[in-house]
């Protein structure tokens, strides 16, 4: 697959990149080379290859997922403009 000058001009317009005709002419072979490499990658047989998330096999260090409120309700409510019954008090919105 290869791209034409019109396609490169269209892509540049979509990306809102102002390009002169000289810049388009220089970019055209580079884009065609990139597309050639992508086509080569598509020809590689990856049938028995496991997908990788990283090159080095690392295990995540996880902690137990425990619900914890921090036991700092008083400190949090100290920042509230108004608190009632251990909760933030907000003005009534709907009458």
PDB file of N, CA and C in Angstrom:
ATOM      1  N   UNK A   1       0.846  -1.177   0.000  1.00  0.00           N
ATOM      2  CA  UNK A   1       0.000   0.000   0.000  1.00  0.00           C
ATOM      3  C   UNK A   1       0.888   1.235   0.000  1.00  0.00           C
ATOM      4  N   UNK A   2       0.520   2.218  -0.762  1.00  0.00           N
ATOM      5  CA  UNK A   2       1.260   3.475  -0.782  1.00  0.00           C
ATOM      6  C   UNK A   2       0.258   4.623  -0.790  1.00  0.00           C
ATOM      7  N   UNK A   3       0.740   5.781  -0.366  1.00  0.00           N
ATOM      8  CA  UNK A   3      -0.113   6.958  -0.316  1.00  0.00           C
ATOM      9  C   UNK A   3       0.268   7.910  -1.437  1.00  0.00           C
ATOM     10  N   UNK A   4      -0.676   8.721  -1.841  1.00  0.00           N
ATOM     11  CA  UNK A   4      -0.458   9.702  -2.904  1.00  0.00           C
ATOM     12  C   UNK A   4      -0.312  11.091  -2.293  1.00  0.00           C
ATOM     13  N   UNK A   5       0.104  12.042  -3.122  1.00  0.00           N
ATOM     14  CA  UNK A   5       0.230  13.428  -2.667  1.00  0.00           C
ATOM     15  C   UNK A   5      -1.103  13.951  -2.150  1.00  0.00           C
ATOM     16  N   UNK A   6      -2.187  13.608  -2.829  1.00  0.00           N
ATOM     17  CA  UNK A   6      -3.502  14.088  -2.411  1.00  0.00           C
ATOM     18  C   UNK A   6      -3.889  13.527  -1.041  1.00  0.00           C
ATOM     19  N   UNK A   7      -3.554  12.276  -0.802  1.00  0.00           N
ATOM     20  CA  UNK A   7      -3.865  11.668   0.493  1.00  0.00           C
ATOM     21  C   UNK A   7      -3.041  12.308   1.613  1.00  0.00           C
ATOM     22  N   UNK A   8      -1.765  12.576   1.336  1.00  0.00           N
ATOM     23  CA  UNK A   8      -0.923  13.230   2.340  1.00  0.00           C
ATOM     24  C   UNK A   8      -1.443  14.636   2.608  1.00  0.00           C
ATOM     25  N   UNK A   9      -1.824  15.346   1.577  1.00  0.00           N
ATOM     26  CA  UNK A   9      -2.379  16.691   1.732  1.00  0.00           C
ATOM     27  C   UNK A   9      -3.671  16.642   2.556  1.00  0.00           C
ATOM     28  N   UNK A  10      -4.505  15.635   2.307  1.00  0.00           N
ATOM     29  CA  UNK A  10      -5.754  15.473   3.044  1.00  0.00           C
ATOM     30  C   UNK A  10      -5.484  15.162   4.518  1.00  0.00           C
ATOM     31  N   UNK A  11      -4.531  14.280   4.777  1.00  0.00           N
ATOM     32  CA  UNK A  11      -4.176  13.942   6.160  1.00  0.00           C
ATOM     33  C   UNK A  11      -3.640  15.169   6.881  1.00  0.00           C
ATOM     34  N   UNK A  12      -2.798  15.951   6.208  1.00  0.00           N
ATOM     35  CA  UNK A  12      -2.255  17.172   6.819  1.00  0.00           C
ATOM     36  C   UNK A  12      -3.370  18.168   7.119  1.00  0.00           C
ATOM     37  N   UNK A  13      -4.337  18.272   6.221  1.00  0.00           N
ATOM     38  CA  UNK A  13      -5.458  19.185   6.460  1.00  0.00           C
ATOM     39  C   UNK A  13      -6.292  18.714   7.641  1.00  0.00           C
ATOM     40  N   UNK A  14      -6.545  17.412   7.743  1.00  0.00           N
ATOM     41  CA  UNK A  14      -7.308  16.869   8.875  1.00  0.00           C
ATOM     42  C   UNK A  14      -6.581  17.097  10.198  1.00  0.00           C
ATOM     43  N   UNK A  15      -5.249  17.012  10.163  1.00  0.00           N
ATOM     44  CA  UNK A  15      -4.453  17.218  11.374  1.00  0.00           C
ATOM     45  C   UNK A  15      -4.190  18.695  11.629  1.00  0.00           C
ATOM     46  N   UNK A  16      -4.720  19.548  10.758  1.00  0.00           N
ATOM     47  CA  UNK A  16      -4.533  21.002  10.878  1.00  0.00           C
ATOM     48  C   UNK A  16      -3.052  21.368  10.866  1.00  0.00           C
ATOM     49  N   UNK A  17      -2.287  20.703   9.965  1.00  0.00           N
ATOM     50  CA  UNK A  17      -0.861  20.974   9.797  1.00  0.00           C
ATOM     51  C   UNK A  17      -0.677  21.650   8.448  1.00  0.00           C
ATOM     52  N   UNK A  18      -0.143  22.858   8.478  1.00  0.00           N
ATOM     53  CA  UNK A  18       0.139  23.581   7.234  1.00  0.00           C
ATOM     54  C   UNK A  18       1.435  23.042   6.651  1.00  0.00           C
ATOM     55  N   UNK A  19       1.373  22.558   5.414  1.00  0.00           N
ATOM     56  CA  UNK A  19       2.559  21.989   4.765  1.00  0.00           C
ATOM     57  C   UNK A  19       2.684  22.548   3.359  1.00  0.00           C
ATOM     58  N   UNK A  20       3.916  22.885   2.997  1.00  0.00           N
ATOM     59  CA  UNK A  20       4.178  23.349   1.633  1.00  0.00           C
ATOM     60  C   UNK A  20       4.296  22.140   0.721  1.00  0.00           C
ATOM     61  N   UNK A  21       4.332  22.397  -0.589  1.00  0.00           N
ATOM     62  CA  UNK A  21       4.465  21.295  -1.550  1.00  0.00           C
ATOM     63  C   UNK A  21       5.797  20.572  -1.381  1.00  0.00           C
ATOM     64  N   UNK A  22       6.873  21.315  -1.040  1.00  0.00           N
ATOM     65  CA  UNK A  22       8.172  20.677  -0.803  1.00  0.00           C
ATOM     66  C   UNK A  22       8.114  19.727   0.394  1.00  0.00           C
ATOM     67  N   UNK A  23       7.457  20.174   1.459  1.00  0.00           N
ATOM     68  CA  UNK A  23       7.332  19.329   2.650  1.00  0.00           C
ATOM     69  C   UNK A  23       6.512  18.084   2.344  1.00  0.00           C
ATOM     70  N   UNK A  24       5.467  18.247   1.549  1.00  0.00           N
ATOM     71  CA  UNK A  24       4.654  17.083   1.169  1.00  0.00           C
ATOM     72  C   UNK A  24       5.471  16.090   0.347  1.00  0.00           C
ATOM     73  N   UNK A  25       6.285  16.602  -0.561  1.00  0.00           N
ATOM     74  CA  UNK A  25       7.110  15.718  -1.399  1.00  0.00           C
ATOM     75  C   UNK A  25       8.136  14.957  -0.568  1.00  0.00           C
ATOM     76  N   UNK A  26       8.675  15.613   0.475  1.00  0.00           N
ATOM     77  CA  UNK A  26       9.647  14.934   1.338  1.00  0.00           C
ATOM     78  C   UNK A  26       8.964  13.931   2.259  1.00  0.00           C
ATOM     79  N   UNK A  27       7.745  14.217   2.649  1.00  0.00           N
ATOM     80  CA  UNK A  27       7.025  13.344   3.580  1.00  0.00           C
ATOM     81  C   UNK A  27       6.488  12.091   2.885  1.00  0.00           C
ATOM     82  N   UNK A  28       6.167  12.191   1.629  1.00  0.00           N
ATOM     83  CA  UNK A  28       5.555  11.077   0.900  1.00  0.00           C
ATOM     84  C   UNK A  28       6.397   9.798   0.942  1.00  0.00           C
ATOM     85  N   UNK A  29       7.699   9.830   0.602  1.00  0.00           N
ATOM     86  CA  UNK A  29       8.467   8.571   0.678  1.00  0.00           C
ATOM     87  C   UNK A  29       8.608   8.040   2.105  1.00  0.00           C
ATOM     88  N   UNK A  30       8.678   8.948   3.089  1.00  0.00           N
ATOM     89  CA  UNK A  30       8.779   8.492   4.472  1.00  0.00           C
ATOM     90  C   UNK A  30       7.519   7.737   4.891  1.00  0.00           C
ATOM     91  N   UNK A  31       6.359   8.281   4.551  1.00  0.00           N
ATOM     92  CA  UNK A  31       5.108   7.595   4.891  1.00  0.00           C
ATOM     93  C   UNK A  31       5.000   6.262   4.163  1.00  0.00           C
ATOM     94  N   UNK A  32       5.416   6.210   2.921  1.00  0.00           N
ATOM     95  CA  UNK A  32       5.372   4.952   2.178  1.00  0.00           C
ATOM     96  C   UNK A  32       6.319   3.916   2.782  1.00  0.00           C
ATOM     97  N   UNK A  33       7.494   4.350   3.275  1.00  0.00           N
ATOM     98  CA  UNK A  33       8.411   3.421   3.955  1.00  0.00           C
ATOM     99  C   UNK A  33       7.783   2.881   5.236  1.00  0.00           C
ATOM    100  N   UNK A  34       7.139   3.754   5.995  1.00  0.00           N
ATOM    101  CA  UNK A  34       6.489   3.320   7.237  1.00  0.00           C
ATOM    102  C   UNK A  34       5.400   2.306   6.928  1.00  0.00           C
ATOM    103  N   UNK A  35       4.591   2.577   5.915  1.00  0.00           N
ATOM    104  CA  UNK A  35       3.534   1.630   5.541  1.00  0.00           C
ATOM    105  C   UNK A  35       4.124   0.306   5.065  1.00  0.00           C
ATOM    106  N   UNK A  36       5.263   0.350   4.407  1.00  0.00           N
ATOM    107  CA  UNK A  36       5.948  -0.877   3.984  1.00  0.00           C
ATOM    108  C   UNK A  36       6.383  -1.703   5.180  1.00  0.00           C
ATOM    109  N   UNK A  37       6.919  -1.050   6.207  1.00  0.00           N
ATOM    110  CA  UNK A  37       7.327  -1.767   7.422  1.00  0.00           C
ATOM    111  C   UNK A  37       6.119  -2.389   8.113  1.00  0.00           C
ATOM    112  N   UNK A  38       5.005  -1.667   8.146  1.00  0.00           N
ATOM    113  CA  UNK A  38       3.792  -2.207   8.759  1.00  0.00           C
ATOM    114  C   UNK A  38       3.318  -3.432   7.997  1.00  0.00           C
ATOM    115  N   UNK A  39       3.396  -3.401   6.679  1.00  0.00           N
ATOM    116  CA  UNK A  39       3.008  -4.573   5.877  1.00  0.00           C
ATOM    117  C   UNK A  39       3.923  -5.749   6.162  1.00  0.00           C
ATOM    118  N   UNK A  40       5.237  -5.485   6.360  1.00  0.00           N
ATOM    119  CA  UNK A  40       6.169  -6.564   6.696  1.00  0.00           C
ATOM    120  C   UNK A  40       5.813  -7.174   8.044  1.00  0.00           C
ATOM    121  N   UNK A  41       5.439  -6.347   8.995  1.00  0.00           N
ATOM    122  CA  UNK A  41       5.051  -6.873  10.298  1.00  0.00           C
ATOM    123  C   UNK A  41       3.800  -7.737  10.203  1.00  0.00           C
ATOM    124  N   UNK A  42       2.897  -7.393   9.299  1.00  0.00           N
ATOM    125  CA  UNK A  42       1.685  -8.174   9.116  1.00  0.00           C
ATOM    126  C   UNK A  42       1.956  -9.552   8.550  1.00  0.00           C
ATOM    127  N   UNK A  43       3.109  -9.753   7.902  1.00  0.00           N
ATOM    128  CA  UNK A  43       3.451 -11.037   7.305  1.00  0.00           C
ATOM    129  C   UNK A  43       4.094 -12.003   8.299  1.00  0.00           C
ATOM    130  N   UNK A  44       4.478 -11.511   9.465  1.00  0.00           N
ATOM    131  CA  UNK A  44       5.152 -12.348  10.456  1.00  0.00           C
ATOM    132  C   UNK A  44       4.143 -13.302  11.091  1.00  0.00           C
ATOM    133  N   UNK A  45       4.525 -14.586  11.188  1.00  0.00           N
ATOM    134  CA  UNK A  45       3.667 -15.587  11.804  1.00  0.00           C
ATOM    135  C   UNK A  45       3.811 -15.498  13.321  1.00  0.00           C
ATOM    136  N   UNK A  46       2.759 -15.093  13.990  1.00  0.00           N
ATOM    137  CA  UNK A  46       2.773 -14.967  15.451  1.00  0.00           C
ATOM    138  C   UNK A  46       1.797 -15.956  16.086  1.00  0.00           C
ATOM    139  N   UNK A  47       1.549 -17.049  15.421  1.00  0.00           N
ATOM    140  CA  UNK A  47       0.568 -18.020  15.874  1.00  0.00           C
ATOM    141  C   UNK A  47       0.824 -18.582  17.260  1.00  0.00           C
ATOM    142  N   UNK A  48       2.075 -18.982  17.575  1.00  0.00           N
ATOM    143  CA  UNK A  48       2.354 -19.607  18.860  1.00  0.00           C
ATOM    144  C   UNK A  48       2.977 -18.666  19.876  1.00  0.00           C
ATOM    145  N   UNK A  49       2.877 -17.374  19.653  1.00  0.00           N
ATOM    146  CA  UNK A  49       3.514 -16.400  20.541  1.00  0.00           C
ATOM    147  C   UNK A  49       2.483 -15.851  21.526  1.00  0.00           C
ATOM    148  N   UNK A  50       2.830 -15.930  22.803  1.00  0.00           N
ATOM    149  CA  UNK A  50       1.958 -15.382  23.834  1.00  0.00           C
ATOM    150  C   UNK A  50       2.055 -13.854  23.828  1.00  0.00           C
ATOM    151  N   UNK A  51       0.950 -13.156  24.029  1.00  0.00           N
ATOM    152  CA  UNK A  51       1.008 -11.696  24.099  1.00  0.00           C
ATOM    153  C   UNK A  51       1.812 -11.238  25.319  1.00  0.00           C
ATOM    154  N   UNK A  52       2.558 -10.151  25.142  1.00  0.00           N
ATOM    155  CA  UNK A  52       3.375  -9.604  26.223  1.00  0.00           C
ATOM    156  C   UNK A  52       2.812  -8.280  26.699  1.00  0.00           C
ATOM    157  N   UNK A  53       2.894  -8.058  27.985  1.00  0.00           N
ATOM    158  CA  UNK A  53       2.600  -6.736  28.520  1.00  0.00           C
ATOM    159  C   UNK A  53       3.886  -6.032  28.889  1.00  0.00           C
ATOM    160  N   UNK A  54       4.948  -6.798  29.109  1.00  0.00           N
ATOM    161  CA  UNK A  54       6.256  -6.244  29.410  1.00  0.00           C
ATOM    162  C   UNK A  54       7.307  -7.262  28.984  1.00  0.00           C
ATOM    163  N   UNK A  55       8.514  -6.791  28.750  1.00  0.00           N
ATOM    164  CA  UNK A  55       9.596  -7.683  28.339  1.00  0.00           C
ATOM    165  C   UNK A  55      10.057  -8.531  29.514  1.00  0.00           C
ATOM    166  N   UNK A  56      10.103  -7.926  30.694  1.00  0.00           N
ATOM    167  CA  UNK A  56      10.532  -8.631  31.899  1.00  0.00           C
ATOM    168  C   UNK A  56       9.286  -9.047  32.676  1.00  0.00           C
ATOM    169  N   UNK A  57       9.225 -10.322  33.063  1.00  0.00           N
ATOM    170  CA  UNK A  57       8.074 -10.809  33.823  1.00  0.00           C
ATOM    171  C   UNK A  57       8.156 -10.279  35.249  1.00  0.00           C
ATOM    172  N   UNK A  58       7.235  -9.389  35.589  1.00  0.00           N
ATOM    173  CA  UNK A  58       7.223  -8.800  36.924  1.00  0.00           C
ATOM    174  C   UNK A  58       5.876  -9.073  37.579  1.00  0.00           C
ATOM    175  N   UNK A  59       5.921  -9.321  38.853  1.00  0.00           N
ATOM    176  CA  UNK A  59       4.700  -9.500  39.625  1.00  0.00           C
ATOM    177  C   UNK A  59       4.390  -8.198  40.342  1.00  0.00           C
ATOM    178  N   UNK A  60       3.148  -7.801  40.343  1.00  0.00           N
ATOM    179  CA  UNK A  60       2.748  -6.589  41.042  1.00  0.00           C
ATOM    180  C   UNK A  60       2.697  -6.853  42.542  1.00  0.00           C
ATOM    181  N   UNK A  61       3.190  -5.890  43.282  1.00  0.00           N
ATOM    182  CA  UNK A  61       3.095  -5.991  44.730  1.00  0.00           C
ATOM    183  C   UNK A  61       1.760  -5.395  45.143  1.00  0.00           C
ATOM    184  N   UNK A  62       0.844  -6.248  45.524  1.00  0.00           N
ATOM    185  CA  UNK A  62      -0.495  -5.798  45.866  1.00  0.00           C
ATOM    186  C   UNK A  62      -0.719  -5.904  47.363  1.00  0.00           C
ATOM    187  N   UNK A  63      -1.521  -5.017  47.874  1.00  0.00           N
ATOM    188  CA  UNK A  63      -1.925  -5.095  49.267  1.00  0.00           C
ATOM    189  C   UNK A  63      -3.349  -5.621  49.305  1.00  0.00           C
ATOM    190  N   UNK A  64      -3.770  -6.075  50.467  1.00  0.00           N
ATOM    191  CA  UNK A  64      -5.134  -6.548  50.619  1.00  0.00           C
ATOM    192  C   UNK A  64      -6.093  -5.389  50.411  1.00  0.00           C
ATOM    193  N   UNK A  65      -7.165  -5.638  49.712  1.00  0.00           N
ATOM    194  CA  UNK A  65      -8.181  -4.626  49.450  1.00  0.00           C
ATOM    195  C   UNK A  65      -9.148  -4.607  50.632  1.00  0.00           C
ATOM    196  N   UNK A  66      -8.866  -3.748  51.587  1.00  0.00           N
ATOM    197  CA  UNK A  66      -9.641  -3.670  52.817  1.00  0.00           C
ATOM    198  C   UNK A  66     -10.276  -2.287  52.903  1.00  0.00           C
ATOM    199  N   UNK A  67     -11.564  -2.253  53.174  1.00  0.00           N
ATOM    200  CA  UNK A  67     -12.261  -0.981  53.338  1.00  0.00           C
ATOM    201  C   UNK A  67     -11.816  -0.363  54.651  1.00  0.00           C
ATOM    202  N   UNK A  68     -11.406   0.897  54.585  1.00  0.00           N
ATOM    203  CA  UNK A  68     -10.913   1.575  55.769  1.00  0.00           C
ATOM    204  C   UNK A  68     -11.338   3.031  55.678  1.00  0.00           C
ATOM    205  N   UNK A  69     -12.090   3.501  56.647  1.00  0.00           N
ATOM    206  CA  UNK A  69     -12.535   4.890  56.611  1.00  0.00           C
ATOM    207  C   UNK A  69     -11.494   5.830  57.201  1.00  0.00           C
ATOM    208  N   UNK A  70     -10.423   5.322  57.735  1.00  0.00           N
ATOM    209  CA  UNK A  70      -9.361   6.145  58.260  1.00  0.00           C
ATOM    210  C   UNK A  70      -9.567   6.602  59.688  1.00  0.00           C
ATOM    211  N   UNK A  71     -10.761   6.422  60.217  1.00  0.00           N
ATOM    212  CA  UNK A  71     -11.078   6.833  61.584  1.00  0.00           C
ATOM    213  C   UNK A  71     -10.733   8.301  61.845  1.00  0.00           C
ATOM    214  N   UNK A  72     -11.011   9.162  60.852  1.00  0.00           N
ATOM    215  CA  UNK A  72     -10.713  10.588  61.029  1.00  0.00           C
ATOM    216  C   UNK A  72     -11.941  11.434  60.717  1.00  0.00           C
ATOM    217  N   UNK A  73     -13.113  10.920  61.053  1.00  0.00           N
ATOM    218  CA  UNK A  73     -14.354  11.643  60.758  1.00  0.00           C
ATOM    219  C   UNK A  73     -14.338  13.039  61.375  1.00  0.00           C
ATOM    220  N   UNK A  74     -13.901  13.157  62.586  1.00  0.00           N
ATOM    221  CA  UNK A  74     -13.869  14.454  63.259  1.00  0.00           C
ATOM    222  C   UNK A  74     -12.962  15.447  62.543  1.00  0.00           C
ATOM    223  N   UNK A  75     -11.791  14.981  62.079  1.00  0.00           N
ATOM    224  CA  UNK A  75     -10.876  15.863  61.359  1.00  0.00           C
ATOM    225  C   UNK A  75     -11.480  16.329  60.039  1.00  0.00           C
ATOM    226  N   UNK A  76     -12.173  15.427  59.340  1.00  0.00           N
ATOM    227  CA  UNK A  76     -12.786  15.777  58.062  1.00  0.00           C
ATOM    228  C   UNK A  76     -13.929  16.760  58.281  1.00  0.00           C
ATOM    229  N   UNK A  77     -14.761  16.485  59.254  1.00  0.00           N
ATOM    230  CA  UNK A  77     -15.899  17.363  59.515  1.00  0.00           C
ATOM    231  C   UNK A  77     -15.472  18.713  60.088  1.00  0.00           C
ATOM    232  N   UNK A  78     -14.265  18.804  60.607  1.00  0.00           N
ATOM    233  CA  UNK A  78     -13.770  20.091  61.107  1.00  0.00           C
ATOM    234  C   UNK A  78     -13.630  21.099  59.959  1.00  0.00           C
ATOM    235  N   UNK A  79     -13.472  20.617  58.741  1.00  0.00           N
ATOM    236  CA  UNK A  79     -13.355  21.492  57.572  1.00  0.00           C
ATOM    237  C   UNK A  79     -14.721  21.884  56.997  1.00  0.00           C
ATOM    238  N   UNK A  80     -15.760  21.257  57.450  1.00  0.00           N
ATOM    239  CA  UNK A  80     -17.091  21.514  56.895  1.00  0.00           C
ATOM    240  C   UNK A  80     -17.649  22.825  57.438  1.00  0.00           C
ATOM    241  N   UNK A  81     -18.346  23.604  56.586  1.00  0.00           N
ATOM    242  CA  UNK A  81     -18.980  24.818  57.090  1.00  0.00           C
ATOM    243  C   UNK A  81     -20.039  24.502  58.137  1.00  0.00           C
ATOM    244  N   UNK A  82     -20.728  23.367  57.944  1.00  0.00           N
ATOM    245  CA  UNK A  82     -21.746  22.958  58.921  1.00  0.00           C
ATOM    246  C   UNK A  82     -21.854  21.431  58.898  1.00  0.00           C
ATOM    247  N   UNK A  83     -21.908  20.831  60.078  1.00  0.00           N
ATOM    248  CA  UNK A  83     -22.046  19.379  60.191  1.00  0.00           C
ATOM    249  C   UNK A  83     -23.187  19.064  61.144  1.00  0.00           C
ATOM    250  N   UNK A  84     -23.911  17.986  60.791  1.00  0.00           N
ATOM    251  CA  UNK A  84     -25.014  17.537  61.645  1.00  0.00           C
ATOM    252  C   UNK A  84     -24.986  16.020  61.723  1.00  0.00           C
ATOM    253  N   UNK A  85     -25.052  15.489  62.915  1.00  0.00           N
ATOM    254  CA  UNK A  85     -25.139  14.048  63.158  1.00  0.00           C
ATOM    255  C   UNK A  85     -23.976  13.290  62.516  1.00  0.00           C
ATOM    256  N   UNK A  86     -22.797  13.897  62.479  1.00  0.00           N
ATOM    257  CA  UNK A  86     -21.626  13.219  61.929  1.00  0.00           C
ATOM    258  C   UNK A  86     -21.533  13.238  60.415  1.00  0.00           C
ATOM    259  N   UNK A  87     -22.297  14.110  59.752  1.00  0.00           N
ATOM    260  CA  UNK A  87     -22.277  14.214  58.295  1.00  0.00           C
ATOM    261  C   UNK A  87     -22.188  15.682  57.890  1.00  0.00           C
ATOM    262  N   UNK A  88     -21.805  15.925  56.624  1.00  0.00           N
ATOM    263  CA  UNK A  88     -21.850  17.288  56.096  1.00  0.00           C
ATOM    264  C   UNK A  88     -23.308  17.724  55.986  1.00  0.00           C
ATOM    265  N   UNK A  89     -23.594  18.925  56.400  1.00  0.00           N
ATOM    266  CA  UNK A  89     -24.935  19.483  56.276  1.00  0.00           C
ATOM    267  C   UNK A  89     -24.925  20.426  55.068  1.00  0.00           C
ATOM    268  N   UNK A  90     -25.865  20.190  54.166  1.00  0.00           N
ATOM    269  CA  UNK A  90     -25.960  21.033  52.962  1.00  0.00           C
ATOM    270  C   UNK A  90     -27.352  21.641  52.910  1.00  0.00           C
ATOM    271  N   UNK A  91     -27.465  22.809  52.284  1.00  0.00           N
ATOM    272  CA  UNK A  91     -28.785  23.421  52.198  1.00  0.00           C
ATOM    273  C   UNK A  91     -29.733  22.618  51.310  1.00  0.00           C
ATOM    274  N   UNK A  92     -30.995  22.689  51.618  1.00  0.00           N
ATOM    275  CA  UNK A  92     -32.011  21.990  50.843  1.00  0.00           C
ATOM    276  C   UNK A  92     -32.094  22.624  49.457  1.00  0.00           C
ATOM    277  N   UNK A  93     -32.081  21.805  48.421  1.00  0.00           N
ATOM    278  CA  UNK A  93     -32.075  22.295  47.049  1.00  0.00           C
ATOM    279  C   UNK A  93     -33.490  22.331  46.492  1.00  0.00           C
ATOM    280  N   UNK A  94     -34.272  21.324  46.776  1.00  0.00           N
ATOM    281  CA  UNK A  94     -35.630  21.234  46.244  1.00  0.00           C
ATOM    282  C   UNK A  94     -36.603  21.521  47.384  1.00  0.00           C
ATOM    283  N   UNK A  95     -37.515  22.445  47.144  1.00  0.00           N
ATOM    284  CA  UNK A  95     -38.490  22.817  48.177  1.00  0.00           C
ATOM    285  C   UNK A  95     -39.682  21.893  48.142  1.00  0.00           C
TER     286      UNK A  95
END
